[in-house]
Protein backbone atom coordinates (compact mmCIF):
# COMPACT_ATOMS: atom_id res chain seq x y z
CA MET A 1 -7.34 -16.98 -16.02
CA ILE A 2 -8.96 -16.21 -12.66
CA ALA A 3 -12.76 -16.08 -12.46
CA ALA A 4 -14.29 -12.95 -11.00
CA GLY A 5 -17.26 -14.74 -9.41
CA PRO A 6 -17.48 -17.15 -6.46
CA THR A 7 -15.34 -20.25 -6.63
CA PRO A 8 -17.11 -23.60 -7.19
CA LEU A 9 -14.85 -25.43 -4.74
CA ALA A 10 -16.22 -26.77 -1.47
CA PHE A 11 -13.18 -25.36 0.28
CA VAL A 12 -10.12 -23.37 -0.69
CA PRO A 13 -6.92 -25.09 0.49
CA PHE A 14 -4.96 -23.10 3.12
CA LEU A 15 -7.84 -20.63 3.51
CA ASP A 16 -10.73 -22.89 4.53
CA PRO A 17 -9.27 -26.01 6.19
CA VAL A 18 -10.96 -29.39 5.99
CA PRO A 19 -12.89 -30.02 9.23
CA VAL A 20 -10.94 -32.85 10.90
CA TRP A 21 -11.02 -31.53 14.45
CA ASN A 22 -12.71 -34.59 15.92
CA TYR A 23 -10.30 -37.20 14.52
CA TRP A 24 -7.03 -35.37 13.80
CA TYR A 25 -4.98 -37.86 15.84
CA LEU A 26 -5.89 -40.66 13.41
CA LEU A 27 -4.01 -38.88 10.64
CA VAL A 28 -0.74 -40.08 12.20
CA LEU A 29 -1.46 -43.62 10.92
CA PRO A 30 -1.26 -42.91 7.16
CA LEU A 31 1.72 -40.64 7.79
CA CYS A 32 3.60 -43.41 9.62
CA VAL A 33 2.66 -46.01 7.01
CA GLY A 34 3.96 -43.76 4.25
CA ILE A 35 7.20 -43.05 6.06
CA ALA A 36 7.79 -46.74 6.84
CA VAL A 37 7.09 -47.94 3.30
CA VAL A 38 9.19 -45.27 1.62
CA TRP A 39 12.09 -45.69 4.04
CA LYS A 40 12.19 -49.46 3.68
CA SER A 41 11.72 -49.28 -0.09
CA VAL A 42 14.93 -47.29 -0.26
CA LYS A 43 16.89 -49.32 2.30
CA CYS A 44 15.95 -52.95 1.50
CA ARG A 45 18.02 -54.96 -0.97
CA SER A 46 15.00 -56.84 -2.37
CA MET A 47 11.42 -55.63 -2.69
CA GLY A 48 10.18 -58.92 -1.26
CA ASP A 49 11.34 -57.83 2.18
CA VAL A 50 9.69 -54.40 2.12
CA ALA A 51 6.24 -55.38 3.41
CA ARG A 52 7.49 -57.30 6.45
CA GLU A 53 10.16 -54.77 7.38
CA SER A 54 7.78 -51.85 6.83
CA ALA A 55 5.31 -53.42 9.24
CA VAL A 56 8.05 -53.81 11.85
CA LEU A 57 9.17 -50.21 11.36
CA LEU A 58 5.56 -49.02 11.59
CA LEU A 59 5.20 -50.76 14.95
CA TRP A 60 8.44 -49.16 16.17
CA ILE A 61 7.27 -45.69 15.11
CA LEU A 62 3.85 -46.10 16.72
CA GLY A 63 5.47 -47.51 19.87
CA GLY A 64 7.75 -44.49 19.99
CA PHE A 65 4.78 -42.17 19.67
CA ALA A 66 2.95 -44.06 22.44
CA ALA A 67 6.02 -43.89 24.71
CA ALA A 68 6.42 -40.16 24.05
CA ALA A 69 2.74 -39.61 24.80
CA ALA A 70 3.02 -41.57 28.07
CA VAL A 71 6.05 -39.54 29.12
CA LEU A 72 4.26 -36.28 28.35
CA VAL A 73 1.14 -37.36 30.24
CA GLY A 74 3.29 -38.30 33.22
CA LEU A 75 5.16 -35.01 33.03
CA MET A 76 1.91 -33.04 32.91
CA ALA A 77 0.55 -34.98 35.89
CA PHE A 78 3.74 -34.25 37.80
CA VAL A 79 3.81 -30.54 36.92
CA GLY A 80 0.06 -30.15 37.53
CA ARG A 81 0.35 -31.04 41.22
């Protein structure tokens, strides 16, 4: 049943977003950790290897993001001239 009065929530998801404007770029870290752990949990033959291989995959993902960011910064510097 829906209440007729004001909602007691601090924010309503999808209507009032959580204020993360100052540190939104840090949210890529838990996303990459989750992707690496889930991917390696499915692909590894033994669960003993998951932590080490997830860490390696996490470094590859973050390195790929850093390389893509460097390419985009270089492209913007080139186009901005």
